[in-house]
Amino acid sequence: MTVSIQYIDMPESESLSAIVTRNLHKLAHKYQFIIRGDVYFKLGQGTDGNDKICEIKLSVPGPQIFAKTIENNFEKSAAENIGDLERQLRKRKEKFNRRKKAI
């Protein structure tokens, strides 16, 4: 699996990139049908401190899987996205397994 990380209108963070890449590779090890991961970090327009946006898009067979979270820090936002993606991947894998059994 290839991981592409983009920082939009903000400086790059090596530690944040390493955390997200490590977590996405764990998902790819568990769900081997993941082809590619695109991660976008950007600052929003929030005034209450919740202006850190993380978007993750996974390329898998069938429709792409997408998660977006807005939190008060990027690590929290990325962790929540990874959890959301894992839930979606689990559902997708169950769907694949049901189709295999039907054939």
PDB file of N, CA and C in Angstrom:
ATOM      1  N   MET A   1       0.841  -1.173   0.000  1.00  0.00           N
ATOM      2  CA  MET A   1       0.000   0.000   0.000  1.00  0.00           C
ATOM      3  C   MET A   1       0.888   1.239   0.000  1.00  0.00           C
ATOM      4  N   THR A   2       0.500   2.217  -0.789  1.00  0.00           N
ATOM      5  CA  THR A   2       1.220   3.485  -0.794  1.00  0.00           C
ATOM      6  C   THR A   2       0.417   4.513  -0.008  1.00  0.00           C
ATOM      7  N   VAL A   3       1.123   5.372   0.702  1.00  0.00           N
ATOM      8  CA  VAL A   3       0.490   6.417   1.502  1.00  0.00           C
ATOM      9  C   VAL A   3       0.983   7.760   1.000  1.00  0.00           C
ATOM     10  N   SER A   4       0.049   8.643   0.702  1.00  0.00           N
ATOM     11  CA  SER A   4       0.370   9.998   0.265  1.00  0.00           C
ATOM     12  C   SER A   4      -0.188  10.969   1.305  1.00  0.00           C
ATOM     13  N   ILE A   5       0.690  11.798   1.885  1.00  0.00           N
ATOM     14  CA  ILE A   5       0.264  12.750   2.909  1.00  0.00           C
ATOM     15  C   ILE A   5       0.504  14.154   2.390  1.00  0.00           C
ATOM     16  N   GLN A   6      -0.540  14.985   2.462  1.00  0.00           N
ATOM     17  CA  GLN A   6      -0.436  16.370   2.009  1.00  0.00           C
ATOM     18  C   GLN A   6      -0.842  17.310   3.139  1.00  0.00           C
ATOM     19  N   TYR A   7      -0.052  18.353   3.316  1.00  0.00           N
ATOM     20  CA  TYR A   7      -0.353  19.394   4.290  1.00  0.00           C
ATOM     21  C   TYR A   7      -0.781  20.623   3.503  1.00  0.00           C
ATOM     22  N   ILE A   8      -1.999  21.045   3.700  1.00  0.00           N
ATOM     23  CA  ILE A   8      -2.555  22.145   2.924  1.00  0.00           C
ATOM     24  C   ILE A   8      -2.518  23.417   3.763  1.00  0.00           C
ATOM     25  N   ASP A   9      -1.775  24.412   3.290  1.00  0.00           N
ATOM     26  CA  ASP A   9      -1.638  25.716   3.944  1.00  0.00           C
ATOM     27  C   ASP A   9      -1.128  25.608   5.373  1.00  0.00           C
ATOM     28  N   MET A  10      -0.202  24.708   5.602  1.00  0.00           N
ATOM     29  CA  MET A  10       0.404  24.552   6.924  1.00  0.00           C
ATOM     30  C   MET A  10       1.747  23.847   6.765  1.00  0.00           C
ATOM     31  N   PRO A  11       2.636  23.966   7.764  1.00  0.00           N
ATOM     32  CA  PRO A  11       3.947  23.306   7.663  1.00  0.00           C
ATOM     33  C   PRO A  11       3.829  21.795   7.857  1.00  0.00           C
ATOM     34  N   GLU A  12       4.758  21.057   7.249  1.00  0.00           N
ATOM     35  CA  GLU A  12       4.770  19.601   7.372  1.00  0.00           C
ATOM     36  C   GLU A  12       5.261  19.189   8.755  1.00  0.00           C
ATOM     37  N   SER A  13       4.795  18.045   9.212  1.00  0.00           N
ATOM     38  CA  SER A  13       5.203  17.495  10.496  1.00  0.00           C
ATOM     39  C   SER A  13       5.647  16.051  10.292  1.00  0.00           C
ATOM     40  N   GLU A  14       6.928  15.799  10.512  1.00  0.00           N
ATOM     41  CA  GLU A  14       7.465  14.447  10.332  1.00  0.00           C
ATOM     42  C   GLU A  14       6.849  13.469  11.329  1.00  0.00           C
ATOM     43  N   SER A  15       6.664  13.916  12.581  1.00  0.00           N
ATOM     44  CA  SER A  15       6.117  13.008  13.591  1.00  0.00           C
ATOM     45  C   SER A  15       4.672  12.637  13.276  1.00  0.00           C
ATOM     46  N   LEU A  16       3.882  13.596  12.831  1.00  0.00           N
ATOM     47  CA  LEU A  16       2.491  13.326  12.464  1.00  0.00           C
ATOM     48  C   LEU A  16       2.429  12.396  11.255  1.00  0.00           C
ATOM     49  N   SER A  17       3.296  12.626  10.289  1.00  0.00           N
ATOM     50  CA  SER A  17       3.359  11.750   9.114  1.00  0.00           C
ATOM     51  C   SER A  17       3.714  10.326   9.521  1.00  0.00           C
ATOM     52  N   ALA A  18       4.666  10.183  10.438  1.00  0.00           N
ATOM     53  CA  ALA A  18       5.087   8.850  10.879  1.00  0.00           C
ATOM     54  C   ALA A  18       3.959   8.123  11.605  1.00  0.00           C
ATOM     55  N   ILE A  19       3.231   8.838  12.460  1.00  0.00           N
ATOM     56  CA  ILE A  19       2.126   8.225  13.205  1.00  0.00           C
ATOM     57  C   ILE A  19       1.048   7.733  12.252  1.00  0.00           C
ATOM     58  N   VAL A  20       0.640   8.588  11.328  1.00  0.00           N
ATOM     59  CA  VAL A  20      -0.441   8.230  10.405  1.00  0.00           C
ATOM     60  C   VAL A  20      -0.002   7.101   9.478  1.00  0.00           C
ATOM     61  N   THR A  21       1.219   7.172   8.975  1.00  0.00           N
ATOM     62  CA  THR A  21       1.725   6.122   8.088  1.00  0.00           C
ATOM     63  C   THR A  21       1.771   4.778   8.807  1.00  0.00           C
ATOM     64  N   ARG A  22       2.252   4.784  10.048  1.00  0.00           N
ATOM     65  CA  ARG A  22       2.319   3.545  10.826  1.00  0.00           C
ATOM     66  C   ARG A  22       0.919   2.958  11.029  1.00  0.00           C
ATOM     67  N   ASN A  23      -0.048   3.804  11.395  1.00  0.00           N
ATOM     68  CA  ASN A  23      -1.412   3.316  11.623  1.00  0.00           C
ATOM     69  C   ASN A  23      -2.068   2.813  10.339  1.00  0.00           C
ATOM     70  N   LEU A  24      -1.819   3.481   9.225  1.00  0.00           N
ATOM     71  CA  LEU A  24      -2.390   3.021   7.961  1.00  0.00           C
ATOM     72  C   LEU A  24      -1.759   1.704   7.509  1.00  0.00           C
ATOM     73  N   HIS A  25      -0.471   1.527   7.776  1.00  0.00           N
ATOM     74  CA  HIS A  25       0.170   0.257   7.424  1.00  0.00           C
ATOM     75  C   HIS A  25      -0.364  -0.885   8.292  1.00  0.00           C
ATOM     76  N   LYS A  26      -0.718  -0.588   9.545  1.00  0.00           N
ATOM     77  CA  LYS A  26      -1.353  -1.606  10.387  1.00  0.00           C
ATOM     78  C   LYS A  26      -2.690  -2.019   9.785  1.00  0.00           C
ATOM     79  N   LEU A  27      -3.466  -1.038   9.323  1.00  0.00           N
ATOM     80  CA  LEU A  27      -4.745  -1.351   8.674  1.00  0.00           C
ATOM     81  C   LEU A  27      -4.515  -2.178   7.414  1.00  0.00           C
ATOM     82  N   ALA A  28      -3.505  -1.807   6.638  1.00  0.00           N
ATOM     83  CA  ALA A  28      -3.221  -2.524   5.389  1.00  0.00           C
ATOM     84  C   ALA A  28      -2.784  -3.958   5.668  1.00  0.00           C
ATOM     85  N   HIS A  29      -2.115  -4.171   6.781  1.00  0.00           N
ATOM     86  CA  HIS A  29      -1.713  -5.531   7.143  1.00  0.00           C
ATOM     87  C   HIS A  29      -2.938  -6.370   7.517  1.00  0.00           C
ATOM     88  N   LYS A  30      -3.886  -5.734   8.197  1.00  0.00           N
ATOM     89  CA  LYS A  30      -5.102  -6.433   8.620  1.00  0.00           C
ATOM     90  C   LYS A  30      -6.083  -6.617   7.462  1.00  0.00           C
ATOM     91  N   TYR A  31      -6.202  -5.600   6.622  1.00  0.00           N
ATOM     92  CA  TYR A  31      -7.112  -5.629   5.470  1.00  0.00           C
ATOM     93  C   TYR A  31      -6.261  -5.505   4.211  1.00  0.00           C
ATOM     94  N   GLN A  32      -5.876  -6.620   3.639  1.00  0.00           N
ATOM     95  CA  GLN A  32      -4.886  -6.632   2.571  1.00  0.00           C
ATOM     96  C   GLN A  32      -5.415  -6.162   1.230  1.00  0.00           C
ATOM     97  N   PHE A  33      -6.693  -5.850   1.145  1.00  0.00           N
ATOM     98  CA  PHE A  33      -7.248  -5.374  -0.117  1.00  0.00           C
ATOM     99  C   PHE A  33      -7.125  -3.857  -0.274  1.00  0.00           C
ATOM    100  N   ILE A  34      -6.522  -3.165   0.699  1.00  0.00           N
ATOM    101  CA  ILE A  34      -6.308  -1.717   0.583  1.00  0.00           C
ATOM    102  C   ILE A  34      -5.197  -1.475  -0.438  1.00  0.00           C
ATOM    103  N   ILE A  35      -5.457  -0.578  -1.378  1.00  0.00           N
ATOM    104  CA  ILE A  35      -4.505  -0.298  -2.447  1.00  0.00           C
ATOM    105  C   ILE A  35      -3.673   0.946  -2.141  1.00  0.00           C
ATOM    106  N   ARG A  36      -4.342   2.004  -1.697  1.00  0.00           N
ATOM    107  CA  ARG A  36      -3.673   3.292  -1.530  1.00  0.00           C
ATOM    108  C   ARG A  36      -4.381   4.102  -0.462  1.00  0.00           C
ATOM    109  N   GLY A  37      -3.626   4.955   0.232  1.00  0.00           N
ATOM    110  CA  GLY A  37      -4.195   5.865   1.218  1.00  0.00           C
ATOM    111  C   GLY A  37      -3.759   7.290   0.938  1.00  0.00           C
ATOM    112  N   ASP A  38      -4.721   8.200   0.875  1.00  0.00           N
ATOM    113  CA  ASP A  38      -4.436   9.627   0.700  1.00  0.00           C
ATOM    114  C   ASP A  38      -4.873  10.360   1.960  1.00  0.00           C
ATOM    115  N   VAL A  39      -3.947  11.111   2.557  1.00  0.00           N
ATOM    116  CA  VAL A  39      -4.216  11.814   3.806  1.00  0.00           C
ATOM    117  C   VAL A  39      -4.033  13.304   3.565  1.00  0.00           C
ATOM    118  N   TYR A  40      -4.981  14.097   4.057  1.00  0.00           N
ATOM    119  CA  TYR A  40      -4.926  15.550   3.918  1.00  0.00           C
ATOM    120  C   TYR A  40      -5.078  16.182   5.293  1.00  0.00           C
ATOM    121  N   PHE A  41      -4.119  17.030   5.670  1.00  0.00           N
ATOM    122  CA  PHE A  41      -4.202  17.797   6.899  1.00  0.00           C
ATOM    123  C   PHE A  41      -4.359  19.257   6.519  1.00  0.00           C
ATOM    124  N   LYS A  42      -5.308  19.933   7.156  1.00  0.00           N
ATOM    125  CA  LYS A  42      -5.479  21.357   6.885  1.00  0.00           C
ATOM    126  C   LYS A  42      -6.093  22.053   8.083  1.00  0.00           C
ATOM    127  N   LEU A  43      -5.923  23.355   8.119  1.00  0.00           N
ATOM    128  CA  LEU A  43      -6.507  24.175   9.175  1.00  0.00           C
ATOM    129  C   LEU A  43      -7.839  24.714   8.704  1.00  0.00           C
ATOM    130  N   GLY A  44      -8.848  24.592   9.562  1.00  0.00           N
ATOM    131  CA  GLY A  44     -10.177  25.085   9.226  1.00  0.00           C
ATOM    132  C   GLY A  44     -10.364  26.515   9.688  1.00  0.00           C
ATOM    133  N   GLN A  45     -11.597  26.956   9.646  1.00  0.00           N
ATOM    134  CA  GLN A  45     -11.930  28.329  10.017  1.00  0.00           C
ATOM    135  C   GLN A  45     -12.607  28.406  11.384  1.00  0.00           C
ATOM    136  N   GLY A  46     -12.542  27.336  12.181  1.00  0.00           N
ATOM    137  CA  GLY A  46     -13.224  27.297  13.474  1.00  0.00           C
ATOM    138  C   GLY A  46     -12.674  28.322  14.451  1.00  0.00           C
ATOM    139  N   THR A  47     -13.552  28.885  15.253  1.00  0.00           N
ATOM    140  CA  THR A  47     -13.147  29.868  16.254  1.00  0.00           C
ATOM    141  C   THR A  47     -13.125  29.269  17.650  1.00  0.00           C
ATOM    142  N   ASP A  48     -13.643  28.055  17.819  1.00  0.00           N
ATOM    143  CA  ASP A  48     -13.705  27.432  19.137  1.00  0.00           C
ATOM    144  C   ASP A  48     -12.516  26.509  19.415  1.00  0.00           C
ATOM    145  N   GLY A  49     -11.499  26.534  18.596  1.00  0.00           N
ATOM    146  CA  GLY A  49     -10.319  25.692  18.781  1.00  0.00           C
ATOM    147  C   GLY A  49     -10.378  24.392  18.003  1.00  0.00           C
ATOM    148  N   ASN A  50     -11.563  23.981  17.587  1.00  0.00           N
ATOM    149  CA  ASN A  50     -11.706  22.764  16.785  1.00  0.00           C
ATOM    150  C   ASN A  50     -11.572  23.125  15.315  1.00  0.00           C
ATOM    151  N   ASP A  51     -10.338  23.366  14.902  1.00  0.00           N
ATOM    152  CA  ASP A  51     -10.116  23.784  13.520  1.00  0.00           C
ATOM    153  C   ASP A  51      -9.049  22.948  12.817  1.00  0.00           C
ATOM    154  N   LYS A  52      -8.679  21.809  13.407  1.00  0.00           N
ATOM    155  CA  LYS A  52      -7.689  20.921  12.793  1.00  0.00           C
ATOM    156  C   LYS A  52      -8.437  19.823  12.044  1.00  0.00           C
ATOM    157  N   ILE A  53      -8.294  19.808  10.726  1.00  0.00           N
ATOM    158  CA  ILE A  53      -9.047  18.886   9.877  1.00  0.00           C
ATOM    159  C   ILE A  53      -8.120  17.808   9.335  1.00  0.00           C
ATOM    160  N   CYS A  54      -8.561  16.570   9.446  1.00  0.00           N
ATOM    161  CA  CYS A  54      -7.853  15.433   8.866  1.00  0.00           C
ATOM    162  C   CYS A  54      -8.836  14.681   7.990  1.00  0.00           C
ATOM    163  N   GLU A  55      -8.456  14.471   6.731  1.00  0.00           N
ATOM    164  CA  GLU A  55      -9.265  13.695   5.796  1.00  0.00           C
ATOM    165  C   GLU A  55      -8.413  12.531   5.305  1.00  0.00           C
ATOM    166  N   ILE A  56      -8.992  11.340   5.314  1.00  0.00           N
ATOM    167  CA  ILE A  56      -8.287  10.160   4.813  1.00  0.00           C
ATOM    168  C   ILE A  56      -9.188   9.458   3.814  1.00  0.00           C
ATOM    169  N   LYS A  57      -8.617   9.172   2.650  1.00  0.00           N
ATOM    170  CA  LYS A  57      -9.344   8.473   1.590  1.00  0.00           C
ATOM    171  C   LYS A  57      -8.562   7.206   1.259  1.00  0.00           C
ATOM    172  N   LEU A  58      -9.241   6.059   1.324  1.00  0.00           N
ATOM    173  CA  LEU A  58      -8.606   4.785   1.004  1.00  0.00           C
ATOM    174  C   LEU A  58      -9.147   4.247  -0.303  1.00  0.00           C
ATOM    175  N   SER A  59      -8.241   3.822  -1.165  1.00  0.00           N
ATOM    176  CA  SER A  59      -8.633   3.170  -2.412  1.00  0.00           C
ATOM    177  C   SER A  59      -8.683   1.671  -2.156  1.00  0.00           C
ATOM    178  N   VAL A  60      -9.864   1.119  -2.352  1.00  0.00           N
ATOM    179  CA  VAL A  60     -10.106  -0.310  -2.169  1.00  0.00           C
ATOM    180  C   VAL A  60     -10.961  -0.783  -3.333  1.00  0.00           C
ATOM    181  N   PRO A  61     -11.082  -2.092  -3.541  1.00  0.00           N
ATOM    182  CA  PRO A  61     -11.993  -2.559  -4.587  1.00  0.00           C
ATOM    183  C   PRO A  61     -13.416  -2.074  -4.304  1.00  0.00           C
ATOM    184  N   GLY A  62     -14.058  -1.557  -5.312  1.00  0.00           N
ATOM    185  CA  GLY A  62     -15.383  -0.973  -5.121  1.00  0.00           C
ATOM    186  C   GLY A  62     -15.253   0.513  -4.831  1.00  0.00           C
ATOM    187  N   PRO A  63     -16.273   1.104  -4.224  1.00  0.00           N
ATOM    188  CA  PRO A  63     -16.216   2.535  -3.913  1.00  0.00           C
ATOM    189  C   PRO A  63     -15.114   2.852  -2.899  1.00  0.00           C
ATOM    190  N   GLN A  64     -14.542   4.050  -3.017  1.00  0.00           N
ATOM    191  CA  GLN A  64     -13.507   4.470  -2.082  1.00  0.00           C
ATOM    192  C   GLN A  64     -14.107   4.661  -0.694  1.00  0.00           C
ATOM    193  N   ILE A  65     -13.257   4.525   0.309  1.00  0.00           N
ATOM    194  CA  ILE A  65     -13.662   4.728   1.697  1.00  0.00           C
ATOM    195  C   ILE A  65     -13.075   6.056   2.143  1.00  0.00           C
ATOM    196  N   PHE A  66     -13.898   6.876   2.821  1.00  0.00           N
ATOM    197  CA  PHE A  66     -13.493   8.229   3.177  1.00  0.00           C
ATOM    198  C   PHE A  66     -13.896   8.530   4.613  1.00  0.00           C
ATOM    199  N   ALA A  67     -13.031   9.253   5.328  1.00  0.00           N
ATOM    200  CA  ALA A  67     -13.352   9.719   6.670  1.00  0.00           C
ATOM    201  C   ALA A  67     -12.781  11.120   6.845  1.00  0.00           C
ATOM    202  N   LYS A  68     -13.547  11.974   7.528  1.00  0.00           N
ATOM    203  CA  LYS A  68     -13.120  13.347   7.793  1.00  0.00           C
ATOM    204  C   LYS A  68     -13.476  13.683   9.229  1.00  0.00           C
ATOM    205  N   THR A  69     -12.519  14.270   9.948  1.00  0.00           N
ATOM    206  CA  THR A  69     -12.742  14.635  11.333  1.00  0.00           C
ATOM    207  C   THR A  69     -12.164  16.015  11.596  1.00  0.00           C
ATOM    208  N   ILE A  70     -12.876  16.778  12.424  1.00  0.00           N
ATOM    209  CA  ILE A  70     -12.419  18.094  12.860  1.00  0.00           C
ATOM    210  C   ILE A  70     -12.278  18.037  14.378  1.00  0.00           C
ATOM    211  N   GLU A  71     -11.074  18.269  14.875  1.00  0.00           N
ATOM    212  CA  GLU A  71     -10.797  18.217  16.312  1.00  0.00           C
ATOM    213  C   GLU A  71      -9.911  19.393  16.700  1.00  0.00           C
ATOM    214  N   ASN A  72      -9.480  19.403  17.981  1.00  0.00           N
ATOM    215  CA  ASN A  72      -8.624  20.490  18.445  1.00  0.00           C
ATOM    216  C   ASN A  72      -7.136  20.199  18.249  1.00  0.00           C
ATOM    217  N   ASN A  73      -6.757  18.966  17.865  1.00  0.00           N
ATOM    218  CA  ASN A  73      -5.378  18.698  17.451  1.00  0.00           C
ATOM    219  C   ASN A  73      -5.370  17.608  16.385  1.00  0.00           C
ATOM    220  N   PHE A  74      -4.310  17.589  15.604  1.00  0.00           N
ATOM    221  CA  PHE A  74      -4.246  16.693  14.452  1.00  0.00           C
ATOM    222  C   PHE A  74      -4.126  15.222  14.855  1.00  0.00           C
ATOM    223  N   GLU A  75      -3.406  14.934  15.942  1.00  0.00           N
ATOM    224  CA  GLU A  75      -3.244  13.544  16.368  1.00  0.00           C
ATOM    225  C   GLU A  75      -4.591  12.932  16.733  1.00  0.00           C
ATOM    226  N   LYS A  76      -5.396  13.686  17.463  1.00  0.00           N
ATOM    227  CA  LYS A  76      -6.728  13.218  17.859  1.00  0.00           C
ATOM    228  C   LYS A  76      -7.616  13.029  16.634  1.00  0.00           C
ATOM    229  N   SER A  77      -7.539  13.968  15.720  1.00  0.00           N
ATOM    230  CA  SER A  77      -8.332  13.901  14.494  1.00  0.00           C
ATOM    231  C   SER A  77      -7.942  12.685  13.659  1.00  0.00           C
ATOM    232  N   ALA A  78      -6.644  12.440  13.520  1.00  0.00           N
ATOM    233  CA  ALA A  78      -6.173  11.292  12.738  1.00  0.00           C
ATOM    234  C   ALA A  78      -6.569   9.979  13.404  1.00  0.00           C
ATOM    235  N   ALA A  79      -6.449   9.898  14.729  1.00  0.00           N
ATOM    236  CA  ALA A  79      -6.811   8.670  15.444  1.00  0.00           C
ATOM    237  C   ALA A  79      -8.295   8.354  15.278  1.00  0.00           C
ATOM    238  N   GLU A  80      -9.130   9.370  15.353  1.00  0.00           N
ATOM    239  CA  GLU A  80     -10.567   9.155  15.173  1.00  0.00           C
ATOM    240  C   GLU A  80     -10.873   8.690  13.747  1.00  0.00           C
ATOM    241  N   ASN A  81     -10.183   9.276  12.775  1.00  0.00           N
ATOM    242  CA  ASN A  81     -10.362   8.856  11.377  1.00  0.00           C
ATOM    243  C   ASN A  81      -9.959   7.401  11.171  1.00  0.00           C
ATOM    244  N   ILE A  82      -8.847   6.991  11.760  1.00  0.00           N
ATOM    245  CA  ILE A  82      -8.390   5.609  11.626  1.00  0.00           C
ATOM    246  C   ILE A  82      -9.449   4.662  12.190  1.00  0.00           C
ATOM    247  N   GLY A  83     -10.029   5.017  13.320  1.00  0.00           N
ATOM    248  CA  GLY A  83     -11.095   4.200  13.901  1.00  0.00           C
ATOM    249  C   GLY A  83     -12.310   4.117  12.995  1.00  0.00           C
ATOM    250  N   ASP A  84     -12.697   5.256  12.420  1.00  0.00           N
ATOM    251  CA  ASP A  84     -13.836   5.273  11.492  1.00  0.00           C
ATOM    252  C   ASP A  84     -13.553   4.413  10.261  1.00  0.00           C
ATOM    253  N   LEU A  85     -12.336   4.524   9.737  1.00  0.00           N
ATOM    254  CA  LEU A  85     -11.970   3.736   8.556  1.00  0.00           C
ATOM    255  C   LEU A  85     -11.951   2.244   8.866  1.00  0.00           C
ATOM    256  N   GLU A  86     -11.466   1.892  10.053  1.00  0.00           N
ATOM    257  CA  GLU A  86     -11.433   0.472  10.407  1.00  0.00           C
ATOM    258  C   GLU A  86     -12.848  -0.097  10.479  1.00  0.00           C
ATOM    259  N   ARG A  87     -13.778   0.673  11.006  1.00  0.00           N
ATOM    260  CA  ARG A  87     -15.176   0.234  11.059  1.00  0.00           C
ATOM    261  C   ARG A  87     -15.725   0.025   9.645  1.00  0.00           C
ATOM    262  N   GLN A  88     -15.436   0.953   8.738  1.00  0.00           N
ATOM    263  CA  GLN A  88     -15.892   0.825   7.351  1.00  0.00           C
ATOM    264  C   GLN A  88     -15.233  -0.370   6.653  1.00  0.00           C
ATOM    265  N   LEU A  89     -13.948  -0.583   6.926  1.00  0.00           N
ATOM    266  CA  LEU A  89     -13.234  -1.709   6.315  1.00  0.00           C
ATOM    267  C   LEU A  89     -13.777  -3.048   6.812  1.00  0.00           C
ATOM    268  N   ARG A  90     -14.115  -3.112   8.091  1.00  0.00           N
ATOM    269  CA  ARG A  90     -14.682  -4.342   8.641  1.00  0.00           C
ATOM    270  C   ARG A  90     -16.001  -4.677   7.940  1.00  0.00           C
ATOM    271  N   LYS A  91     -16.837  -3.657   7.724  1.00  0.00           N
ATOM    272  CA  LYS A  91     -18.105  -3.867   7.014  1.00  0.00           C
ATOM    273  C   LYS A  91     -17.855  -4.316   5.576  1.00  0.00           C
ATOM    274  N   ARG A  92     -16.881  -3.703   4.917  1.00  0.00           N
ATOM    275  CA  ARG A  92     -16.562  -4.060   3.533  1.00  0.00           C
ATOM    276  C   ARG A  92     -16.072  -5.504   3.453  1.00  0.00           C
ATOM    277  N   LYS A  93     -15.225  -5.903   4.415  1.00  0.00           N
ATOM    278  CA  LYS A  93     -14.698  -7.267   4.416  1.00  0.00           C
ATOM    279  C   LYS A  93     -15.825  -8.276   4.639  1.00  0.00           C
ATOM    280  N   GLU A  94     -16.761  -7.957   5.531  1.00  0.00           N
ATOM    281  CA  GLU A  94     -17.909  -8.844   5.755  1.00  0.00           C
ATOM    282  C   GLU A  94     -18.729  -8.987   4.478  1.00  0.00           C
ATOM    283  N   LYS A  95     -18.871  -7.895   3.757  1.00  0.00           N
ATOM    284  CA  LYS A  95     -19.615  -7.921   2.496  1.00  0.00           C
ATOM    285  C   LYS A  95     -18.909  -8.819   1.474  1.00  0.00           C
ATOM    286  N   PHE A  96     -17.572  -8.704   1.384  1.00  0.00           N
ATOM    287  CA  PHE A  96     -16.800  -9.563   0.482  1.00  0.00           C
ATOM    288  C   PHE A  96     -16.978 -11.031   0.858  1.00  0.00           C
ATOM    289  N   ASN A  97     -16.900 -11.319   2.154  1.00  0.00           N
ATOM    290  CA  ASN A  97     -17.004 -12.707   2.611  1.00  0.00           C
ATOM    291  C   ASN A  97     -18.385 -13.288   2.325  1.00  0.00           C
ATOM    292  N   ARG A  98     -19.440 -12.487   2.468  1.00  0.00           N
ATOM    293  CA  ARG A  98     -20.788 -12.968   2.153  1.00  0.00           C
ATOM    294  C   ARG A  98     -20.907 -13.296   0.672  1.00  0.00           C
ATOM    295  N   ARG A  99     -20.311 -12.474  -0.171  1.00  0.00           N
ATOM    296  CA  ARG A  99     -20.365 -12.726  -1.616  1.00  0.00           C
ATOM    297  C   ARG A  99     -19.600 -13.988  -1.985  1.00  0.00           C
ATOM    298  N   LYS A 100     -18.457 -14.210  -1.331  1.00  0.00           N
ATOM    299  CA  LYS A 100     -17.669 -15.412  -1.603  1.00  0.00           C
ATOM    300  C   LYS A 100     -18.448 -16.665  -1.217  1.00  0.00           C
ATOM    301  N   LYS A 101     -19.147 -16.611  -0.087  1.00  0.00           N
ATOM    302  CA  LYS A 101     -19.920 -17.767   0.364  1.00  0.00           C
ATOM    303  C   LYS A 101     -21.096 -18.039  -0.560  1.00  0.00           C
ATOM    304  N   ALA A 102     -21.652 -16.984  -1.145  1.00  0.00           N
ATOM    305  CA  ALA A 102     -22.806 -17.145  -2.029  1.00  0.00           C
ATOM    306  C   ALA A 102     -22.418 -17.786  -3.358  1.00  0.00           C
ATOM    307  N   ILE A 103     -21.157 -17.659  -3.725  1.00  0.00           N
ATOM    308  CA  ILE A 103     -20.718 -18.191  -5.032  1.00  0.00           C
ATOM    309  C   ILE A 103     -20.435 -19.645  -4.976  1.00  0.00           C
TER     310      ILE A 103
END
